[in-house]
Amino acid sequence: FAVTALFRHPLGLPIPHTALIPNRKNLLGASLGDFVGNNF
């Protein structure tokens, strides 16, 4: 469940806080940009 929830909804069920990468792609990109900006 934990591994699947990163990439999609387990069994296609819209369980909260699942499919993290597709749903929060832009936020992850912004966080990655901030990380690179602050540390590199």
ModelCIF file with pLDDT and N, C-alpha, C, O atoms, coordinates in Angstrom:
data_MODEL
#
_entry.id   MODEL 
#
_entity.id                         1 
_entity.type                       polymer 
_entity.pdbx_number_of_molecules   1 
#
_entity_poly.entity_id                      1 
_entity_poly.type                           'polypeptide(L)' 
_entity_poly.nstd_linkage                   no 
_entity_poly.nstd_monomer                   no 
_entity_poly.pdbx_seq_one_letter_code       FAVTALFRHPLGLPIPHTALIPNRKNLLGASLGDFVGNNF 
_entity_poly.pdbx_seq_one_letter_code_can   FAVTALFRHPLGLPIPHTALIPNRKNLLGASLGDFVGNNF 
_entity_poly.pdbx_strand_id                 A 
#
loop_
_entity_poly_seq.entity_id 
_entity_poly_seq.num 
_entity_poly_seq.mon_id 
_entity_poly_seq.hetero 
1 1  PHE n 
1 2  ALA n 
1 3  VAL n 
1 4  THR n 
1 5  ALA n 
1 6  LEU n 
1 7  PHE n 
1 8  ARG n 
1 9  HIS n 
1 10 PRO n 
1 11 LEU n 
1 12 GLY n 
1 13 LEU n 
1 14 PRO n 
1 15 ILE n 
1 16 PRO n 
1 17 HIS n 
1 18 THR n 
1 19 ALA n 
1 20 LEU n 
1 21 ILE n 
1 22 PRO n 
1 23 ASN n 
1 24 ARG n 
1 25 LYS n 
1 26 ASN n 
1 27 LEU n 
1 28 LEU n 
1 29 GLY n 
1 30 ALA n 
1 31 SER n 
1 32 LEU n 
1 33 GLY n 
1 34 ASP n 
1 35 PHE n 
1 36 VAL n 
1 37 GLY n 
1 38 ASN n 
1 39 ASN n 
1 40 PHE n 
#
_struct_asym.id          A 
_struct_asym.entity_id   1 
#
loop_
_ma_qa_metric.id 
_ma_qa_metric.mode 
_ma_qa_metric.name 
_ma_qa_metric.software_group_id 
_ma_qa_metric.type 
1 global pLDDT . pLDDT 
2 local  pLDDT . pLDDT 
#
_ma_qa_metric_global.metric_id      1 
_ma_qa_metric_global.metric_value   76.70 
_ma_qa_metric_global.model_id       1 
_ma_qa_metric_global.ordinal_id     1 
#
loop_
_ma_qa_metric_local.label_asym_id 
_ma_qa_metric_local.label_comp_id 
_ma_qa_metric_local.label_seq_id 
_ma_qa_metric_local.metric_id 
_ma_qa_metric_local.metric_value 
_ma_qa_metric_local.model_id 
_ma_qa_metric_local.ordinal_id 
A PHE 1  2 85.00 1 1  
A ALA 2  2 82.00 1 2  
A VAL 3  2 81.00 1 3  
A THR 4  2 78.00 1 4  
A ALA 5  2 82.00 1 5  
A LEU 6  2 77.00 1 6  
A PHE 7  2 76.00 1 7  
A ARG 8  2 76.00 1 8  
A HIS 9  2 78.00 1 9  
A PRO 10 2 79.00 1 10 
A LEU 11 2 74.00 1 11 
A GLY 12 2 77.00 1 12 
A LEU 13 2 78.00 1 13 
A PRO 14 2 79.00 1 14 
A ILE 15 2 78.00 1 15 
A PRO 16 2 80.00 1 16 
A HIS 17 2 74.00 1 17 
A THR 18 2 75.00 1 18 
A ALA 19 2 74.00 1 19 
A LEU 20 2 71.00 1 20 
A ILE 21 2 74.00 1 21 
A PRO 22 2 75.00 1 22 
A ASN 23 2 73.00 1 23 
A ARG 24 2 72.00 1 24 
A LYS 25 2 71.00 1 25 
A ASN 26 2 74.00 1 26 
A LEU 27 2 77.00 1 27 
A LEU 28 2 75.00 1 28 
A GLY 29 2 74.00 1 29 
A ALA 30 2 78.00 1 30 
A SER 31 2 79.00 1 31 
A LEU 32 2 74.00 1 32 
A GLY 33 2 77.00 1 33 
A ASP 34 2 79.00 1 34 
A PHE 35 2 79.00 1 35 
A VAL 36 2 78.00 1 36 
A GLY 37 2 77.00 1 37 
A ASN 38 2 76.00 1 38 
A ASN 39 2 75.00 1 39 
A PHE 40 2 77.00 1 40 
#
loop_
_atom_site.group_PDB 
_atom_site.id 
_atom_site.type_symbol 
_atom_site.label_atom_id 
_atom_site.label_alt_id 
_atom_site.label_comp_id 
_atom_site.label_asym_id 
_atom_site.label_entity_id 
_atom_site.label_seq_id 
_atom_site.pdbx_PDB_ins_code 
_atom_site.Cartn_x 
_atom_site.Cartn_y 
_atom_site.Cartn_z 
_atom_site.occupancy 
_atom_site.B_iso_or_equiv 
_atom_site.pdbx_formal_charge 
_atom_site.auth_seq_id 
_atom_site.auth_comp_id 
_atom_site.auth_asym_id 
_atom_site.auth_atom_id 
_atom_site.pdbx_PDB_model_num 
ATOM 1   N N  . PHE A 1 1  ? 0.836  -1.195 0.000   1.00 85.00 ? 1  PHE A N  1 
ATOM 2   C CA . PHE A 1 1  ? 0.000  0.000  0.000   1.00 85.00 ? 1  PHE A CA 1 
ATOM 3   C C  . PHE A 1 1  ? 0.878  1.254  0.000   1.00 85.00 ? 1  PHE A C  1 
ATOM 4   O O  . PHE A 1 1  ? 0.601  2.206  -0.730  1.00 85.00 ? 1  PHE A O  1 
ATOM 5   N N  . ALA A 1 2  ? 1.926  1.255  0.812   1.00 82.00 ? 2  ALA A N  1 
ATOM 6   C CA . ALA A 1 2  ? 2.781  2.435  0.915   1.00 82.00 ? 2  ALA A CA 1 
ATOM 7   C C  . ALA A 1 2  ? 3.491  2.720  -0.412  1.00 82.00 ? 2  ALA A C  1 
ATOM 8   O O  . ALA A 1 2  ? 3.564  3.866  -0.855  1.00 82.00 ? 2  ALA A O  1 
ATOM 9   N N  . VAL A 1 3  ? 4.010  1.659  -1.036  1.00 81.00 ? 3  VAL A N  1 
ATOM 10  C CA . VAL A 1 3  ? 4.733  1.849  -2.304  1.00 81.00 ? 3  VAL A CA 1 
ATOM 11  C C  . VAL A 1 3  ? 3.770  2.280  -3.405  1.00 81.00 ? 3  VAL A C  1 
ATOM 12  O O  . VAL A 1 3  ? 4.064  3.185  -4.185  1.00 81.00 ? 3  VAL A O  1 
ATOM 13  N N  . THR A 1 4  ? 2.618  1.621  -3.456  1.00 78.00 ? 4  THR A N  1 
ATOM 14  C CA . THR A 1 4  ? 1.650  1.949  -4.508  1.00 78.00 ? 4  THR A CA 1 
ATOM 15  C C  . THR A 1 4  ? 1.103  3.357  -4.335  1.00 78.00 ? 4  THR A C  1 
ATOM 16  O O  . THR A 1 4  ? 0.852  4.046  -5.324  1.00 78.00 ? 4  THR A O  1 
ATOM 17  N N  . ALA A 1 5  ? 0.914  3.797  -3.088  1.00 82.00 ? 5  ALA A N  1 
ATOM 18  C CA . ALA A 1 5  ? 0.333  5.112  -2.829  1.00 82.00 ? 5  ALA A CA 1 
ATOM 19  C C  . ALA A 1 5  ? 1.217  6.245  -3.332  1.00 82.00 ? 5  ALA A C  1 
ATOM 20  O O  . ALA A 1 5  ? 0.739  7.359  -3.541  1.00 82.00 ? 5  ALA A O  1 
ATOM 21  N N  . LEU A 1 6  ? 2.503  5.968  -3.528  1.00 77.00 ? 6  LEU A N  1 
ATOM 22  C CA . LEU A 1 6  ? 3.376  7.011  -4.079  1.00 77.00 ? 6  LEU A CA 1 
ATOM 23  C C  . LEU A 1 6  ? 3.007  7.351  -5.517  1.00 77.00 ? 6  LEU A C  1 
ATOM 24  O O  . LEU A 1 6  ? 3.101  8.508  -5.926  1.00 77.00 ? 6  LEU A O  1 
ATOM 25  N N  . PHE A 1 7  ? 2.587  6.350  -6.285  1.00 76.00 ? 7  PHE A N  1 
ATOM 26  C CA . PHE A 1 7  ? 2.453  6.533  -7.725  1.00 76.00 ? 7  PHE A CA 1 
ATOM 27  C C  . PHE A 1 7  ? 1.005  6.504  -8.221  1.00 76.00 ? 7  PHE A C  1 
ATOM 28  O O  . PHE A 1 7  ? 0.710  7.044  -9.288  1.00 76.00 ? 7  PHE A O  1 
ATOM 29  N N  . ARG A 1 8  ? 0.098  5.878  -7.457  1.00 76.00 ? 8  ARG A N  1 
ATOM 30  C CA . ARG A 1 8  ? -1.292 5.781  -7.928  1.00 76.00 ? 8  ARG A CA 1 
ATOM 31  C C  . ARG A 1 8  ? -2.198 5.501  -6.735  1.00 76.00 ? 8  ARG A C  1 
ATOM 32  O O  . ARG A 1 8  ? -1.737 5.289  -5.613  1.00 76.00 ? 8  ARG A O  1 
ATOM 33  N N  . HIS A 1 9  ? -3.513 5.505  -7.011  1.00 78.00 ? 9  HIS A N  1 
ATOM 34  C CA . HIS A 1 9  ? -4.472 5.133  -5.974  1.00 78.00 ? 9  HIS A CA 1 
ATOM 35  C C  . HIS A 1 9  ? -4.505 3.604  -5.872  1.00 78.00 ? 9  HIS A C  1 
ATOM 36  O O  . HIS A 1 9  ? -4.750 2.939  -6.879  1.00 78.00 ? 9  HIS A O  1 
ATOM 37  N N  . PRO A 1 10 ? -4.266 3.028  -4.692  1.00 79.00 ? 10 PRO A N  1 
ATOM 38  C CA . PRO A 1 10 ? -4.317 1.569  -4.552  1.00 79.00 ? 10 PRO A CA 1 
ATOM 39  C C  . PRO A 1 10 ? -5.693 1.023  -4.937  1.00 79.00 ? 10 PRO A C  1 
ATOM 40  O O  . PRO A 1 10 ? -6.722 1.485  -4.443  1.00 79.00 ? 10 PRO A O  1 
ATOM 41  N N  . LEU A 1 11 ? -5.689 0.049  -5.814  1.00 74.00 ? 11 LEU A N  1 
ATOM 42  C CA . LEU A 1 11 ? -6.912 -0.592 -6.308  1.00 74.00 ? 11 LEU A CA 1 
ATOM 43  C C  . LEU A 1 11 ? -7.865 0.411  -6.958  1.00 74.00 ? 11 LEU A C  1 
ATOM 44  O O  . LEU A 1 11 ? -9.058 0.141  -7.098  1.00 74.00 ? 11 LEU A O  1 
ATOM 45  N N  . GLY A 1 12 ? -7.332 1.568  -7.354  1.00 77.00 ? 12 GLY A N  1 
ATOM 46  C CA . GLY A 1 12 ? -8.147 2.594  -8.005  1.00 77.00 ? 12 GLY A CA 1 
ATOM 47  C C  . GLY A 1 12 ? -9.040 3.359  -7.061  1.00 77.00 ? 12 GLY A C  1 
ATOM 48  O O  . GLY A 1 12 ? -9.873 4.143  -7.514  1.00 77.00 ? 12 GLY A O  1 
ATOM 49  N N  . LEU A 1 13 ? -8.895 3.157  -5.747  1.00 78.00 ? 13 LEU A N  1 
ATOM 50  C CA . LEU A 1 13 ? -9.730 3.829  -4.761  1.00 78.00 ? 13 LEU A CA 1 
ATOM 51  C C  . LEU A 1 13 ? -9.130 5.191  -4.420  1.00 78.00 ? 13 LEU A C  1 
ATOM 52  O O  . LEU A 1 13 ? -7.942 5.265  -4.108  1.00 78.00 ? 13 LEU A O  1 
ATOM 53  N N  . PRO A 1 14 ? -9.907 6.266  -4.467  1.00 79.00 ? 14 PRO A N  1 
ATOM 54  C CA . PRO A 1 14 ? -9.382 7.616  -4.187  1.00 79.00 ? 14 PRO A CA 1 
ATOM 55  C C  . PRO A 1 14 ? -9.150 7.840  -2.699  1.00 79.00 ? 14 PRO A C  1 
ATOM 56  O O  . PRO A 1 14 ? -9.772 8.708  -2.087  1.00 79.00 ? 14 PRO A O  1 
ATOM 57  N N  . ILE A 1 15 ? -8.273 7.068  -2.137  1.00 78.00 ? 15 ILE A N  1 
ATOM 58  C CA . ILE A 1 15 ? -7.963 7.193  -0.717  1.00 78.00 ? 15 ILE A CA 1 
ATOM 59  C C  . ILE A 1 15 ? -7.123 8.452  -0.514  1.00 78.00 ? 15 ILE A C  1 
ATOM 60  O O  . ILE A 1 15 ? -6.198 8.704  -1.286  1.00 78.00 ? 15 ILE A O  1 
ATOM 61  N N  . PRO A 1 16 ? -7.435 9.249  0.520   1.00 80.00 ? 16 PRO A N  1 
ATOM 62  C CA . PRO A 1 16 ? -6.651 10.476 0.750   1.00 80.00 ? 16 PRO A CA 1 
ATOM 63  C C  . PRO A 1 16 ? -5.164 10.176 0.923   1.00 80.00 ? 16 PRO A C  1 
ATOM 64  O O  . PRO A 1 16 ? -4.762 9.141  1.454   1.00 80.00 ? 16 PRO A O  1 
ATOM 65  N N  . HIS A 1 17 ? -4.374 11.133 0.449   1.00 74.00 ? 17 HIS A N  1 
ATOM 66  C CA . HIS A 1 17 ? -2.917 11.060 0.557   1.00 74.00 ? 17 HIS A CA 1 
ATOM 67  C C  . HIS A 1 17 ? -2.331 9.864  -0.189  1.00 74.00 ? 17 HIS A C  1 
ATOM 68  O O  . HIS A 1 17 ? -1.330 9.288  0.238   1.00 74.00 ? 17 HIS A O  1 
ATOM 69  N N  . THR A 1 18 ? -2.943 9.502  -1.277  1.00 75.00 ? 18 THR A N  1 
ATOM 70  C CA . THR A 1 18 ? -2.360 8.505  -2.178  1.00 75.00 ? 18 THR A CA 1 
ATOM 71  C C  . THR A 1 18 ? -2.147 9.155  -3.543  1.00 75.00 ? 18 THR A C  1 
ATOM 72  O O  . THR A 1 18 ? -2.589 10.278 -3.786  1.00 75.00 ? 18 THR A O  1 
ATOM 73  N N  . ALA A 1 19 ? -1.451 8.418  -4.447  1.00 74.00 ? 19 ALA A N  1 
ATOM 74  C CA . ALA A 1 19 ? -1.064 8.969  -5.746  1.00 74.00 ? 19 ALA A CA 1 
ATOM 75  C C  . ALA A 1 19 ? -0.317 10.308 -5.540  1.00 74.00 ? 19 ALA A C  1 
ATOM 76  O O  . ALA A 1 19 ? -0.623 11.320 -6.170  1.00 74.00 ? 19 ALA A O  1 
ATOM 77  N N  . LEU A 1 20 ? 0.657  10.261 -4.645  1.00 71.00 ? 20 LEU A N  1 
ATOM 78  C CA . LEU A 1 20 ? 1.329  11.503 -4.232  1.00 71.00 ? 20 LEU A CA 1 
ATOM 79  C C  . LEU A 1 20 ? 2.078  12.172 -5.378  1.00 71.00 ? 20 LEU A C  1 
ATOM 80  O O  . LEU A 1 20 ? 1.966  13.384 -5.565  1.00 71.00 ? 20 LEU A O  1 
ATOM 81  N N  . ILE A 1 21 ? 2.832  11.405 -6.138  1.00 74.00 ? 21 ILE A N  1 
ATOM 82  C CA . ILE A 1 21 ? 3.650  12.011 -7.200  1.00 74.00 ? 21 ILE A CA 1 
ATOM 83  C C  . ILE A 1 21 ? 2.787  12.639 -8.289  1.00 74.00 ? 21 ILE A C  1 
ATOM 84  O O  . ILE A 1 21 ? 3.056  13.783 -8.658  1.00 74.00 ? 21 ILE A O  1 
ATOM 85  N N  . PRO A 1 22 ? 1.764  11.968 -8.832  1.00 75.00 ? 22 PRO A N  1 
ATOM 86  C CA . PRO A 1 22 ? 0.943  12.635 -9.846  1.00 75.00 ? 22 PRO A CA 1 
ATOM 87  C C  . PRO A 1 22 ? 0.216  13.870 -9.319  1.00 75.00 ? 22 PRO A C  1 
ATOM 88  O O  . PRO A 1 22 ? 0.102  14.877 -10.018 1.00 75.00 ? 22 PRO A O  1 
ATOM 89  N N  . ASN A 1 23 ? -0.284 13.785 -8.059  1.00 73.00 ? 23 ASN A N  1 
ATOM 90  C CA . ASN A 1 23 ? -1.086 14.886 -7.529  1.00 73.00 ? 23 ASN A CA 1 
ATOM 91  C C  . ASN A 1 23 ? -0.246 16.068 -7.049  1.00 73.00 ? 23 ASN A C  1 
ATOM 92  O O  . ASN A 1 23 ? -0.701 17.211 -7.067  1.00 73.00 ? 23 ASN A O  1 
ATOM 93  N N  . ARG A 1 24 ? 0.959  15.787 -6.628  1.00 72.00 ? 24 ARG A N  1 
ATOM 94  C CA . ARG A 1 24 ? 1.782  16.853 -6.056  1.00 72.00 ? 24 ARG A CA 1 
ATOM 95  C C  . ARG A 1 24 ? 3.065  17.066 -6.858  1.00 72.00 ? 24 ARG A C  1 
ATOM 96  O O  . ARG A 1 24 ? 4.096  17.472 -6.322  1.00 72.00 ? 24 ARG A O  1 
ATOM 97  N N  . LYS A 1 25 ? 2.971  16.781 -8.149  1.00 71.00 ? 25 LYS A N  1 
ATOM 98  C CA . LYS A 1 25 ? 4.147  16.902 -9.023  1.00 71.00 ? 25 LYS A CA 1 
ATOM 99  C C  . LYS A 1 25 ? 4.714  18.325 -8.999  1.00 71.00 ? 25 LYS A C  1 
ATOM 100 O O  . LYS A 1 25 ? 5.918  18.514 -8.821  1.00 71.00 ? 25 LYS A O  1 
ATOM 101 N N  . ASN A 1 26 ? 3.852  19.313 -9.178  1.00 74.00 ? 26 ASN A N  1 
ATOM 102 C CA . ASN A 1 26 ? 4.323  20.699 -9.236  1.00 74.00 ? 26 ASN A CA 1 
ATOM 103 C C  . ASN A 1 26 ? 4.916  21.147 -7.894  1.00 74.00 ? 26 ASN A C  1 
ATOM 104 O O  . ASN A 1 26 ? 5.913  21.867 -7.851  1.00 74.00 ? 26 ASN A O  1 
ATOM 105 N N  . LEU A 1 27 ? 4.276  20.704 -6.794  1.00 77.00 ? 27 LEU A N  1 
ATOM 106 C CA . LEU A 1 27 ? 4.799  21.054 -5.482  1.00 77.00 ? 27 LEU A CA 1 
ATOM 107 C C  . LEU A 1 27 ? 6.161  20.405 -5.247  1.00 77.00 ? 27 LEU A C  1 
ATOM 108 O O  . LEU A 1 27 ? 7.066  21.006 -4.669  1.00 77.00 ? 27 LEU A O  1 
ATOM 109 N N  . LEU A 1 28 ? 6.281  19.156 -5.714  1.00 75.00 ? 28 LEU A N  1 
ATOM 110 C CA . LEU A 1 28 ? 7.582  18.488 -5.599  1.00 75.00 ? 28 LEU A CA 1 
ATOM 111 C C  . LEU A 1 28 ? 8.636  19.212 -6.425  1.00 75.00 ? 28 LEU A C  1 
ATOM 112 O O  . LEU A 1 28 ? 9.784  19.337 -5.999  1.00 75.00 ? 28 LEU A O  1 
ATOM 113 N N  . GLY A 1 29 ? 8.244  19.698 -7.627  1.00 74.00 ? 29 GLY A N  1 
ATOM 114 C CA . GLY A 1 29 ? 9.188  20.456 -8.457  1.00 74.00 ? 29 GLY A CA 1 
ATOM 115 C C  . GLY A 1 29 ? 9.629  21.735 -7.769  1.00 74.00 ? 29 GLY A C  1 
ATOM 116 O O  . GLY A 1 29 ? 10.810 22.080 -7.786  1.00 74.00 ? 29 GLY A O  1 
ATOM 117 N N  . ALA A 1 30 ? 8.664  22.449 -7.153  1.00 78.00 ? 30 ALA A N  1 
ATOM 118 C CA . ALA A 1 30 ? 9.008  23.679 -6.433  1.00 78.00 ? 30 ALA A CA 1 
ATOM 119 C C  . ALA A 1 30 ? 9.912  23.373 -5.249  1.00 78.00 ? 30 ALA A C  1 
ATOM 120 O O  . ALA A 1 30 ? 10.867 24.103 -4.985  1.00 78.00 ? 30 ALA A O  1 
ATOM 121 N N  . SER A 1 31 ? 9.610  22.287 -4.534  1.00 79.00 ? 31 SER A N  1 
ATOM 122 C CA . SER A 1 31 ? 10.438 21.910 -3.393  1.00 79.00 ? 31 SER A CA 1 
ATOM 123 C C  . SER A 1 31 ? 11.845 21.530 -3.849  1.00 79.00 ? 31 SER A C  1 
ATOM 124 O O  . SER A 1 31 ? 12.831 21.865 -3.192  1.00 79.00 ? 31 SER A O  1 
ATOM 125 N N  . LEU A 1 32 ? 11.927 20.825 -4.982  1.00 74.00 ? 32 LEU A N  1 
ATOM 126 C CA . LEU A 1 32 ? 13.232 20.469 -5.517  1.00 74.00 ? 32 LEU A CA 1 
ATOM 127 C C  . LEU A 1 32 ? 14.013 21.723 -5.911  1.00 74.00 ? 32 LEU A C  1 
ATOM 128 O O  . LEU A 1 32 ? 15.216 21.826 -5.673  1.00 74.00 ? 32 LEU A O  1 
ATOM 129 N N  . GLY A 1 33 ? 13.295 22.676 -6.522  1.00 77.00 ? 33 GLY A N  1 
ATOM 130 C CA . GLY A 1 33 ? 13.952 23.930 -6.888  1.00 77.00 ? 33 GLY A CA 1 
ATOM 131 C C  . GLY A 1 33 ? 14.465 24.672 -5.664  1.00 77.00 ? 33 GLY A C  1 
ATOM 132 O O  . GLY A 1 33 ? 15.586 25.182 -5.671  1.00 77.00 ? 33 GLY A O  1 
ATOM 133 N N  . ASP A 1 34 ? 13.648 24.736 -4.605  1.00 79.00 ? 34 ASP A N  1 
ATOM 134 C CA . ASP A 1 34 ? 14.087 25.392 -3.373  1.00 79.00 ? 34 ASP A CA 1 
ATOM 135 C C  . ASP A 1 34 ? 15.286 24.670 -2.762  1.00 79.00 ? 34 ASP A C  1 
ATOM 136 O O  . ASP A 1 34 ? 16.214 25.301 -2.258  1.00 79.00 ? 34 ASP A O  1 
ATOM 137 N N  . PHE A 1 35 ? 15.251 23.353 -2.815  1.00 79.00 ? 35 PHE A N  1 
ATOM 138 C CA . PHE A 1 35 ? 16.363 22.576 -2.267  1.00 79.00 ? 35 PHE A CA 1 
ATOM 139 C C  . PHE A 1 35 ? 17.656 22.873 -3.021  1.00 79.00 ? 35 PHE A C  1 
ATOM 140 O O  . PHE A 1 35 ? 18.703 23.100 -2.414  1.00 79.00 ? 35 PHE A O  1 
ATOM 141 N N  . VAL A 1 36 ? 17.571 22.870 -4.340  1.00 78.00 ? 36 VAL A N  1 
ATOM 142 C CA . VAL A 1 36 ? 18.757 23.161 -5.151  1.00 78.00 ? 36 VAL A CA 1 
ATOM 143 C C  . VAL A 1 36 ? 19.230 24.592 -4.918  1.00 78.00 ? 36 VAL A C  1 
ATOM 144 O O  . VAL A 1 36 ? 20.429 24.845 -4.803  1.00 78.00 ? 36 VAL A O  1 
ATOM 145 N N  . GLY A 1 37 ? 18.272 25.536 -4.847  1.00 77.00 ? 37 GLY A N  1 
ATOM 146 C CA . GLY A 1 37 ? 18.646 26.923 -4.643  1.00 77.00 ? 37 GLY A CA 1 
ATOM 147 C C  . GLY A 1 37 ? 19.323 27.162 -3.308  1.00 77.00 ? 37 GLY A C  1 
ATOM 148 O O  . GLY A 1 37 ? 20.292 27.916 -3.233  1.00 77.00 ? 37 GLY A O  1 
ATOM 149 N N  . ASN A 1 38 ? 18.824 26.528 -2.249  1.00 76.00 ? 38 ASN A N  1 
ATOM 150 C CA . ASN A 1 38 ? 19.373 26.759 -0.913  1.00 76.00 ? 38 ASN A CA 1 
ATOM 151 C C  . ASN A 1 38 ? 20.666 26.003 -0.668  1.00 76.00 ? 38 ASN A C  1 
ATOM 152 O O  . ASN A 1 38 ? 21.508 26.459 0.105   1.00 76.00 ? 38 ASN A O  1 
ATOM 153 N N  . ASN A 1 39 ? 20.837 24.861 -1.310  1.00 75.00 ? 39 ASN A N  1 
ATOM 154 C CA . ASN A 1 39 ? 21.987 24.005 -1.009  1.00 75.00 ? 39 ASN A CA 1 
ATOM 155 C C  . ASN A 1 39 ? 23.048 23.976 -2.101  1.00 75.00 ? 39 ASN A C  1 
ATOM 156 O O  . ASN A 1 39 ? 24.173 23.546 -1.846  1.00 75.00 ? 39 ASN A O  1 
ATOM 157 N N  . PHE A 1 40 ? 22.717 24.422 -3.311  1.00 77.00 ? 40 PHE A N  1 
ATOM 158 C CA . PHE A 1 40 ? 23.682 24.384 -4.404  1.00 77.00 ? 40 PHE A CA 1 
ATOM 159 C C  . PHE A 1 40 ? 23.932 25.752 -5.030  1.00 77.00 ? 40 PHE A C  1 
ATOM 160 O O  . PHE A 1 40 ? 24.724 25.868 -5.964  1.00 77.00 ? 40 PHE A O  1 
#
